[in-house]
N, C-alpha and C. Protein backbone atom coordinates (compact mmCIF):
# COMPACT_ATOMS: atom_id res chain seq x y z
N MET A 1 -5.87 -79.01 70.08
CA MET A 1 -5.37 -78.00 69.16
C MET A 1 -4.12 -78.55 68.49
N GLU A 2 -4.12 -78.53 67.17
CA GLU A 2 -2.98 -79.02 66.41
C GLU A 2 -1.89 -77.94 66.33
N PRO A 3 -0.62 -78.35 66.37
CA PRO A 3 0.47 -77.38 66.29
C PRO A 3 0.79 -77.01 64.83
N THR A 4 -0.20 -76.48 64.12
CA THR A 4 0.02 -76.06 62.74
C THR A 4 0.64 -74.67 62.72
N GLU A 5 1.22 -74.31 61.59
CA GLU A 5 1.82 -72.99 61.47
C GLU A 5 0.79 -71.89 61.71
N GLY A 6 -0.41 -72.05 61.14
CA GLY A 6 -1.46 -71.06 61.34
C GLY A 6 -1.85 -70.91 62.80
N ASN A 7 -2.00 -72.04 63.51
CA ASN A 7 -2.36 -71.98 64.93
C ASN A 7 -1.24 -71.36 65.76
N ILE A 8 -0.01 -71.64 65.41
CA ILE A 8 1.12 -71.07 66.15
C ILE A 8 1.18 -69.57 65.94
N LEU A 9 1.10 -69.14 64.67
CA LEU A 9 1.20 -67.71 64.37
C LEU A 9 0.02 -66.91 64.90
N SER A 10 -1.16 -67.52 64.99
CA SER A 10 -2.33 -66.81 65.51
C SER A 10 -2.35 -66.76 67.04
N GLY A 11 -1.52 -67.60 67.68
CA GLY A 11 -1.51 -67.66 69.13
C GLY A 11 -2.48 -68.68 69.69
N SER A 12 -3.18 -69.40 68.81
CA SER A 12 -4.13 -70.42 69.27
C SER A 12 -3.41 -71.62 69.90
N TYR A 13 -2.26 -71.95 69.35
CA TYR A 13 -1.45 -73.03 69.93
C TYR A 13 -0.42 -72.36 70.82
N TRP A 14 -0.51 -72.57 72.10
CA TRP A 14 0.23 -71.77 73.07
C TRP A 14 1.64 -72.27 73.36
N LEU A 15 1.99 -73.48 72.97
CA LEU A 15 3.30 -74.01 73.32
C LEU A 15 4.33 -73.60 72.27
N THR A 16 4.84 -72.40 72.40
CA THR A 16 5.83 -71.87 71.48
C THR A 16 6.96 -71.23 72.28
N ARG A 17 8.04 -70.92 71.58
CA ARG A 17 9.17 -70.26 72.24
C ARG A 17 9.73 -69.23 71.28
N GLY A 18 9.85 -68.02 71.74
CA GLY A 18 10.41 -66.95 70.92
C GLY A 18 11.93 -66.94 70.98
N LEU A 19 12.52 -66.29 70.02
CA LEU A 19 13.97 -66.11 69.99
C LEU A 19 14.26 -64.69 70.47
N TYR A 20 15.10 -64.58 71.46
CA TYR A 20 15.45 -63.27 71.99
C TYR A 20 16.89 -62.94 71.63
N MET A 21 17.10 -61.73 71.17
CA MET A 21 18.43 -61.22 70.86
C MET A 21 18.63 -59.98 71.72
N ASN A 22 19.31 -60.15 72.82
CA ASN A 22 19.49 -59.06 73.76
C ASN A 22 20.74 -58.27 73.43
N THR A 23 20.60 -56.96 73.43
CA THR A 23 21.74 -56.08 73.20
C THR A 23 21.74 -55.00 74.28
N ARG A 24 22.86 -54.41 74.45
CA ARG A 24 22.95 -53.28 75.39
C ARG A 24 22.55 -52.03 74.63
N GLY A 25 21.31 -51.57 74.84
CA GLY A 25 20.79 -50.44 74.08
C GLY A 25 20.39 -50.88 72.68
N GLN A 26 20.13 -49.92 71.83
CA GLN A 26 19.79 -50.23 70.45
C GLN A 26 21.05 -50.72 69.72
N PRO A 27 20.93 -51.81 68.97
CA PRO A 27 22.11 -52.31 68.27
C PRO A 27 22.55 -51.34 67.17
N ASP A 28 23.86 -51.29 66.97
CA ASP A 28 24.39 -50.49 65.87
C ASP A 28 25.60 -51.21 65.27
N GLY A 29 26.07 -50.70 64.18
CA GLY A 29 27.24 -51.28 63.54
C GLY A 29 27.03 -52.73 63.12
N ILE A 30 28.04 -53.55 63.38
CA ILE A 30 28.00 -54.95 62.96
C ILE A 30 26.92 -55.75 63.70
N VAL A 31 26.62 -55.36 64.93
CA VAL A 31 25.56 -56.05 65.68
C VAL A 31 24.21 -55.79 65.02
N LYS A 32 23.94 -54.55 64.63
CA LYS A 32 22.69 -54.23 63.93
C LYS A 32 22.62 -54.97 62.60
N ALA A 33 23.73 -55.03 61.88
CA ALA A 33 23.76 -55.75 60.60
C ALA A 33 23.41 -57.22 60.80
N PHE A 34 23.94 -57.84 61.87
CA PHE A 34 23.66 -59.24 62.16
C PHE A 34 22.19 -59.44 62.50
N VAL A 35 21.65 -58.62 63.39
CA VAL A 35 20.24 -58.73 63.78
C VAL A 35 19.34 -58.53 62.56
N ASP A 36 19.64 -57.53 61.76
CA ASP A 36 18.85 -57.29 60.55
C ASP A 36 18.89 -58.49 59.61
N TYR A 37 20.06 -59.10 59.46
CA TYR A 37 20.19 -60.26 58.58
C TYR A 37 19.39 -61.46 59.12
N VAL A 38 19.50 -61.72 60.41
CA VAL A 38 18.79 -62.85 61.01
C VAL A 38 17.28 -62.67 60.85
N MET A 39 16.79 -61.45 60.93
CA MET A 39 15.36 -61.18 60.82
C MET A 39 14.91 -60.94 59.37
N SER A 40 15.81 -61.06 58.41
CA SER A 40 15.48 -60.76 57.02
C SER A 40 14.76 -61.92 56.33
N ASP A 41 14.15 -61.60 55.20
CA ASP A 41 13.49 -62.62 54.39
C ASP A 41 14.50 -63.66 53.88
N ASP A 42 15.76 -63.26 53.71
CA ASP A 42 16.80 -64.18 53.24
C ASP A 42 16.97 -65.38 54.18
N MET A 43 16.72 -65.18 55.45
CA MET A 43 16.92 -66.24 56.45
C MET A 43 15.73 -67.17 56.60
N LYS A 44 14.56 -66.81 56.09
CA LYS A 44 13.36 -67.61 56.30
C LYS A 44 13.51 -69.05 55.82
N GLY A 45 14.17 -69.25 54.70
CA GLY A 45 14.38 -70.61 54.19
C GLY A 45 15.22 -71.44 55.14
N PHE A 46 16.29 -70.86 55.67
CA PHE A 46 17.15 -71.56 56.62
C PHE A 46 16.39 -71.88 57.91
N ILE A 47 15.58 -70.94 58.34
CA ILE A 47 14.80 -71.13 59.56
C ILE A 47 13.84 -72.30 59.39
N ARG A 48 13.16 -72.35 58.25
CA ARG A 48 12.24 -73.46 57.97
C ARG A 48 12.98 -74.79 57.86
N GLU A 49 14.16 -74.79 57.22
CA GLU A 49 14.95 -76.02 57.08
C GLU A 49 15.28 -76.63 58.43
N ASP A 50 15.45 -75.79 59.43
CA ASP A 50 15.78 -76.27 60.77
C ASP A 50 14.54 -76.59 61.60
N GLY A 51 13.36 -76.52 60.98
CA GLY A 51 12.13 -76.92 61.67
C GLY A 51 11.45 -75.84 62.47
N TYR A 52 11.86 -74.59 62.26
CA TYR A 52 11.24 -73.48 62.98
C TYR A 52 10.31 -72.72 62.05
N ILE A 53 9.48 -71.87 62.61
CA ILE A 53 8.55 -71.06 61.83
C ILE A 53 9.01 -69.61 61.90
N PRO A 54 9.35 -69.02 60.75
CA PRO A 54 9.79 -67.63 60.78
C PRO A 54 8.62 -66.70 61.06
N THR A 55 8.92 -65.58 61.67
CA THR A 55 7.90 -64.56 61.93
C THR A 55 8.16 -63.36 61.03
N SER A 56 7.22 -62.46 60.98
CA SER A 56 7.35 -61.32 60.10
C SER A 56 8.04 -60.13 60.77
N GLY A 57 8.31 -60.22 62.04
CA GLY A 57 8.94 -59.10 62.72
C GLY A 57 9.19 -59.40 64.17
N VAL A 58 9.58 -58.39 64.90
CA VAL A 58 9.86 -58.55 66.32
C VAL A 58 8.97 -57.62 67.12
N SER A 59 8.82 -57.95 68.37
CA SER A 59 8.09 -57.06 69.27
C SER A 59 9.07 -56.45 70.25
N ASP A 60 8.79 -55.24 70.66
CA ASP A 60 9.69 -54.54 71.61
C ASP A 60 9.53 -55.08 73.00
């Protein structure tokens, strides 16, 4: 199985690592603003530049 973006996003290529942002409870204020920014479409270019594959959202 090749580590292509499609295989990674579909779950076919299993060797991946998620990014976790742990907060105490639901984030609010400046912490929420930071998490929202990191997960925004604005960051996708930076994420790709660093060799990572951006996702479309987070799971609970």
